[in-house]
Amino acid sequence: MSEVIWLGVLLGIGAALSVGPIFVTIVQEAACRGFSSSFRVILGSACADLVLLLPALAFTWVIQAVAGARFWVALIGSGYFLYLGYAAARDARRLWQTAARPAGNVGWSFWKGVIGNLANPLSWTFWLATGAPTMQRSYLAGGWPGLVLFTVVWFVVASGVEALVAYLVARSGRAVGHRGLALFTGGAAATFLILAATLAVTTLPA
């Protein structure tokens, strides 16, 4: 089960540290309204992820039943993780050099997390392209208990990292700044690259 936990931790950290609309909303809510408000954004985003998890899980069942599908899904998943790592590294460099960053909305906290996640096409792409092969690998490594463990670890780690960032921002009383966001994005880039390598080594044939 150690591999399952490793996959859940990596995916959770990578997703949590990716600078996008939800992450920026969490940071801004923490800076403007405190930890409680930003934590409601995190809960809303996690609820939306449960919805996004269902098509990814269904896709996992399909590739289990189709001969040869595992290889191609793992290949696509590894490639997409590489792309996410490249994009995050590029964004980290841009954020470090300039003060430009995405703007977040101000408003209803919990529903900001739900709508912001479900309305983002990249969230759907992320779960189908990376969640399916990672969940499938977790199922192969530990069966249904392994898949459940992966899901729990992913949610706990992702929400925990986001909550830690929100707490630190709320305690400081100000936003982390563009260089802080650059460091978070660089961390996401590193974890996505490690995920790509892990998926390739453990799933793809030698």
Protein backbone atom coordinates (compact mmCIF):
# COMPACT_ATOMS: atom_id res chain seq x y z
CA MET A 1 0.00 0.00 0.00
CA SER A 2 3.02 2.31 0.23
CA GLU A 3 2.85 2.95 -3.53
CA VAL A 4 -0.83 3.90 -3.24
CA ILE A 5 -0.06 6.38 -0.45
CA TRP A 6 2.86 7.79 -2.46
CA LEU A 7 0.61 8.36 -5.50
CA GLY A 8 -2.07 10.03 -3.37
CA VAL A 9 0.43 12.33 -1.66
CA LEU A 10 2.09 13.38 -4.93
CA LEU A 11 -1.18 14.06 -6.75
CA GLY A 12 -2.55 15.91 -3.73
CA ILE A 13 0.49 18.19 -3.40
CA GLY A 14 0.70 18.85 -7.14
CA ALA A 15 -2.97 19.74 -7.42
CA ALA A 16 -2.99 21.85 -4.25
CA LEU A 17 0.03 23.96 -5.23
CA SER A 18 -1.07 24.60 -8.81
CA VAL A 19 -1.73 28.31 -9.15
CA GLY A 20 -5.14 28.60 -10.78
CA PRO A 21 -8.48 30.26 -10.05
CA ILE A 22 -9.20 28.12 -6.97
CA PHE A 23 -5.75 28.51 -5.44
CA VAL A 24 -5.76 32.27 -5.94
CA THR A 25 -9.29 32.49 -4.51
CA ILE A 26 -8.15 30.58 -1.41
CA VAL A 27 -5.18 32.93 -0.93
CA GLN A 28 -7.26 36.05 -1.47
CA GLU A 29 -10.05 34.91 0.86
CA ALA A 30 -7.46 34.18 3.55
CA ALA A 31 -5.83 37.58 3.09
CA CYS A 32 -9.09 39.55 2.97
CA ARG A 33 -11.53 37.59 5.16
CA GLY A 34 -9.44 35.22 7.26
CA PHE A 35 -8.89 31.47 7.51
CA SER A 36 -12.53 30.50 8.08
CA SER A 37 -13.70 32.01 4.80
CA SER A 38 -10.84 30.51 2.80
CA PHE A 39 -11.41 27.09 4.37
CA ARG A 40 -15.01 27.17 3.10
CA VAL A 41 -13.60 27.71 -0.40
CA ILE A 42 -11.43 24.61 0.14
CA LEU A 43 -14.45 22.56 1.25
CA GLY A 44 -16.46 23.71 -1.77
CA SER A 45 -13.63 22.79 -4.13
CA ALA A 46 -13.30 19.36 -2.48
CA CYS A 47 -17.05 18.72 -2.95
CA ALA A 48 -16.70 19.61 -6.63
CA ASP A 49 -13.75 17.21 -6.90
CA LEU A 50 -16.04 14.40 -5.71
CA VAL A 51 -18.25 15.13 -8.72
CA LEU A 52 -15.23 15.20 -11.05
CA LEU A 53 -14.00 11.95 -9.53
CA LEU A 54 -17.01 9.98 -10.82
CA PRO A 55 -16.30 10.18 -14.59
CA ALA A 56 -12.62 9.48 -13.89
CA LEU A 57 -13.60 6.40 -11.86
CA ALA A 58 -15.95 5.22 -14.63
CA PHE A 59 -13.12 5.65 -17.12
CA THR A 60 -10.92 3.54 -14.82
CA TRP A 61 -13.43 0.66 -15.04
CA VAL A 62 -13.50 0.95 -18.83
CA ILE A 63 -9.73 0.71 -19.23
CA GLN A 64 -9.67 -2.28 -16.86
CA ALA A 65 -12.00 -4.13 -19.23
CA VAL A 66 -10.26 -3.23 -22.52
CA ALA A 67 -7.15 -5.21 -23.41
CA GLY A 68 -4.12 -2.98 -23.96
CA ALA A 69 -5.90 0.14 -22.72
CA ARG A 70 -3.78 0.29 -19.57
CA PHE A 71 -0.60 0.94 -21.55
CA TRP A 72 -2.08 3.78 -23.60
CA VAL A 73 -3.82 5.43 -20.66
CA ALA A 74 -0.60 5.28 -18.64
CA LEU A 75 1.29 6.75 -21.59
CA ILE A 76 -1.22 9.60 -21.95
CA GLY A 77 -1.25 10.19 -18.19
CA SER A 78 2.54 10.37 -18.01
CA GLY A 79 2.60 12.76 -20.97
CA TYR A 80 -0.03 14.99 -19.40
CA PHE A 81 1.84 15.09 -16.09
CA LEU A 82 4.94 16.14 -18.04
CA TYR A 83 2.92 18.90 -19.70
CA LEU A 84 1.56 20.07 -16.32
CA GLY A 85 5.10 20.12 -14.94
CA TYR A 86 6.34 22.15 -17.91
CA ALA A 87 3.41 24.59 -17.71
CA ALA A 88 3.86 25.04 -13.95
CA ALA A 89 7.61 25.65 -14.35
CA ARG A 90 6.92 28.22 -17.08
CA ASP A 91 4.32 29.96 -14.91
CA ALA A 92 6.67 29.92 -11.92
CA ARG A 93 9.32 31.72 -13.95
CA ARG A 94 6.82 34.30 -15.19
CA LEU A 95 5.42 34.87 -11.68
CA TRP A 96 8.92 35.26 -10.24
CA GLN A 97 9.90 37.86 -12.82
CA THR A 98 6.67 39.88 -12.85
CA ALA A 99 3.92 40.80 -10.44
CA ALA A 100 1.23 39.56 -12.83
CA ARG A 101 -1.03 36.80 -11.51
CA PRO A 102 -4.62 35.62 -12.06
CA ALA A 103 -7.30 37.60 -10.31
CA GLY A 104 -9.74 35.85 -7.97
CA ASN A 105 -13.35 36.78 -7.33
CA VAL A 106 -14.67 37.99 -4.01
CA GLY A 107 -17.88 36.49 -2.68
CA TRP A 108 -19.61 33.54 -1.27
CA SER A 109 -16.70 31.33 -0.12
CA PHE A 110 -18.04 27.75 -0.27
CA TRP A 111 -19.86 28.18 -3.58
CA LYS A 112 -16.85 29.95 -5.03
CA GLY A 113 -14.96 26.71 -4.50
CA VAL A 114 -17.72 24.55 -6.03
CA ILE A 115 -18.47 26.68 -9.07
CA GLY A 116 -14.86 27.69 -9.67
CA ASN A 117 -13.84 24.03 -9.85
CA LEU A 118 -16.76 22.68 -11.89
CA ALA A 119 -16.77 25.60 -14.32
CA ASN A 120 -13.08 25.20 -15.13
CA PRO A 121 -12.57 22.88 -18.15
CA LEU A 122 -9.02 22.21 -16.97
CA SER A 123 -10.41 20.58 -13.81
CA TRP A 124 -12.30 18.04 -15.93
CA THR A 125 -9.26 17.46 -18.12
CA PHE A 126 -7.04 17.07 -15.07
CA TRP A 127 -9.21 14.34 -13.54
CA LEU A 128 -9.78 12.41 -16.76
CA ALA A 129 -6.18 12.63 -17.97
CA THR A 130 -4.38 12.13 -14.65
CA GLY A 131 -6.94 10.84 -12.16
CA ALA A 132 -7.94 7.84 -14.28
CA PRO A 133 -4.45 6.38 -14.81
CA THR A 134 -3.42 7.13 -11.22
CA MET A 135 -6.55 5.54 -9.79
CA GLN A 136 -6.11 2.59 -12.12
CA ARG A 137 -2.54 2.13 -10.89
CA SER A 138 -3.77 2.35 -7.29
CA TYR A 139 -6.39 -0.32 -8.03
CA LEU A 140 -3.76 -2.63 -9.55
CA ALA A 141 -1.48 -2.10 -6.55
CA GLY A 142 -4.07 -2.59 -3.82
CA GLY A 143 -7.48 -3.53 -5.24
CA TRP A 144 -10.54 -1.67 -4.01
CA PRO A 145 -8.96 -0.94 -0.59
CA GLY A 146 -6.00 0.61 -2.42
CA LEU A 147 -8.30 2.76 -4.57
CA VAL A 148 -10.22 3.97 -1.51
CA LEU A 149 -6.95 4.66 0.33
CA PHE A 150 -5.60 6.64 -2.64
CA THR A 151 -8.78 8.74 -2.78
CA VAL A 152 -8.71 9.49 0.95
CA VAL A 153 -4.98 10.34 0.92
CA TRP A 154 -5.43 12.59 -2.14
CA PHE A 155 -8.28 14.56 -0.54
CA VAL A 156 -6.59 14.87 2.86
CA VAL A 157 -3.25 15.96 1.39
CA ALA A 158 -4.72 18.38 -1.18
CA SER A 159 -7.09 20.00 1.32
CA GLY A 160 -4.44 19.99 4.05
CA VAL A 161 -1.84 21.77 1.90
CA GLU A 162 -4.40 24.34 0.78
CA ALA A 163 -5.51 24.85 4.39
CA LEU A 164 -1.89 25.32 5.52
CA VAL A 165 -1.30 27.96 2.84
CA ALA A 166 -4.57 29.70 3.80
CA TYR A 167 -3.62 29.65 7.49
CA LEU A 168 -0.18 31.12 6.84
CA VAL A 169 -1.64 33.86 4.64
CA ALA A 170 -4.37 34.64 7.21
CA ARG A 171 -1.80 34.80 10.01
CA SER A 172 0.45 37.11 8.04
CA GLY A 173 -2.46 39.41 7.23
CA ARG A 174 -1.34 39.89 3.62
CA ALA A 175 -1.13 38.00 0.34
CA VAL A 176 1.97 35.91 -0.30
CA GLY A 177 2.99 38.05 -3.27
CA HIS A 178 3.96 37.06 -6.78
CA ARG A 179 7.23 35.44 -5.69
CA GLY A 180 5.42 33.37 -3.09
CA LEU A 181 3.04 32.16 -5.79
CA ALA A 182 6.07 31.43 -7.98
CA LEU A 183 7.52 29.16 -5.28
CA PHE A 184 4.20 27.32 -4.89
CA THR A 185 4.02 26.84 -8.65
CA GLY A 186 7.59 25.58 -8.77
CA GLY A 187 6.69 23.02 -6.11
CA ALA A 188 3.72 21.92 -8.20
CA ALA A 189 5.98 21.56 -11.26
CA ALA A 190 8.37 19.30 -9.34
CA THR A 191 5.61 17.05 -8.00
CA PHE A 192 3.99 16.69 -11.45
CA LEU A 193 7.33 15.64 -12.96
CA ILE A 194 7.86 13.09 -10.18
CA LEU A 195 4.33 11.77 -10.80
CA ALA A 196 5.06 11.38 -14.52
CA ALA A 197 8.21 9.42 -13.77
CA THR A 198 6.47 7.27 -11.15
CA LEU A 199 3.59 6.40 -13.45
CA ALA A 200 5.96 5.57 -16.32
CA VAL A 201 8.25 3.37 -14.23
CA THR A 202 5.47 1.45 -12.44
CA THR A 203 2.99 1.02 -15.29
CA LEU A 204 4.68 1.18 -18.68
CA PRO A 205 6.47 -1.95 -19.89
CA ALA A 206 10.25 -1.98 -19.83
